[in-house]
Amino acid sequence: MLVFCFFFGYSLSSHAYRIYNKRLMTVEESIHVIFYETNHAEKEYQRNLAEEDEQITTLKNLENCPKK
């Protein structure tokens, strides 16, 4: 059965991986793990850059508004 978990660390008592099972909300140990790496961190970084650019653009637009 395929279950998507998150890498949590290494077992202290064996050569197993500690993984967090989101469905069961438990930390389990297993040696039968396949890692699928994602670029989640890269996507988060790009999203933060886009938000910063939007904030800078908004500030520039506010500076160019005529003052009352």
Protein backbone atom coordinates (compact mmCIF):
# COMPACT_ATOMS: atom_id res chain seq x y z
CA MET A 1 0.00 0.00 0.00
CA LEU A 2 1.35 3.44 -0.94
CA VAL A 3 1.21 6.02 1.83
CA PHE A 4 2.65 9.49 1.54
CA CYS A 5 4.62 10.43 4.63
CA PHE A 6 7.12 13.08 5.61
CA PHE A 7 10.73 12.37 6.51
CA PHE A 8 11.07 12.93 10.24
CA GLY A 9 14.60 11.72 10.96
CA TYR A 10 16.55 8.57 11.69
CA SER A 11 15.83 5.84 14.19
CA LEU A 12 18.00 5.88 17.29
CA SER A 13 17.86 2.10 17.73
CA SER A 14 18.14 0.75 14.16
CA HIS A 15 19.01 1.67 10.58
CA ALA A 16 15.43 2.71 9.86
CA TYR A 17 13.95 6.04 8.86
CA ARG A 18 11.46 7.85 11.05
CA ILE A 19 8.52 9.09 8.99
CA TYR A 20 5.37 11.00 9.87
CA ASN A 21 2.21 9.35 8.57
CA LYS A 22 -0.17 12.25 7.97
CA ARG A 23 -3.22 10.02 7.55
CA LEU A 24 -2.73 8.27 10.91
CA MET A 25 -0.97 11.26 12.54
CA THR A 26 1.79 9.02 13.91
CA VAL A 27 5.55 8.75 13.66
CA GLU A 28 6.62 5.36 12.33
CA GLU A 29 9.94 3.66 11.68
CA SER A 30 10.60 1.78 8.46
CA ILE A 31 13.44 0.68 6.24
CA HIS A 32 11.06 0.37 3.27
CA VAL A 33 10.99 3.99 2.15
CA ILE A 34 11.09 5.58 -1.29
CA PHE A 35 11.84 9.28 -1.33
CA TYR A 36 10.12 11.51 -3.86
CA GLU A 37 11.79 14.88 -3.68
CA THR A 38 9.77 17.91 -4.56
CA ASN A 39 10.80 21.44 -5.21
CA HIS A 40 8.37 22.76 -2.60
CA ALA A 41 11.04 24.98 -1.09
CA GLU A 42 11.81 26.48 -4.50
CA LYS A 43 8.11 27.17 -5.14
CA GLU A 44 7.80 28.83 -1.72
CA TYR A 45 10.87 30.98 -2.45
CA GLN A 46 9.45 32.06 -5.83
CA ARG A 47 6.08 32.89 -4.24
CA ASN A 48 7.80 35.03 -1.58
CA LEU A 49 9.76 36.88 -4.27
CA ALA A 50 6.56 37.58 -6.20
CA GLU A 51 4.87 38.92 -3.04
CA GLU A 52 7.85 41.18 -2.32
CA ASP A 53 7.80 42.51 -5.89
CA GLU A 54 4.08 43.23 -5.56
CA GLN A 55 4.64 45.10 -2.29
CA ILE A 56 7.46 47.18 -3.82
CA THR A 57 5.29 48.03 -6.81
CA THR A 58 2.43 49.07 -4.52
CA LEU A 59 4.75 51.30 -2.48
CA LYS A 60 6.12 52.93 -5.63
CA ASN A 61 2.59 53.58 -6.87
CA LEU A 62 1.67 55.14 -3.53
CA GLU A 63 4.73 57.41 -3.68
CA ASN A 64 3.70 58.62 -7.15
CA CYS A 65 0.13 59.48 -6.09
CA PRO A 66 -0.65 63.18 -5.91
CA LYS A 67 -0.74 64.44 -2.34
CA LYS A 68 -3.75 66.29 -1.01
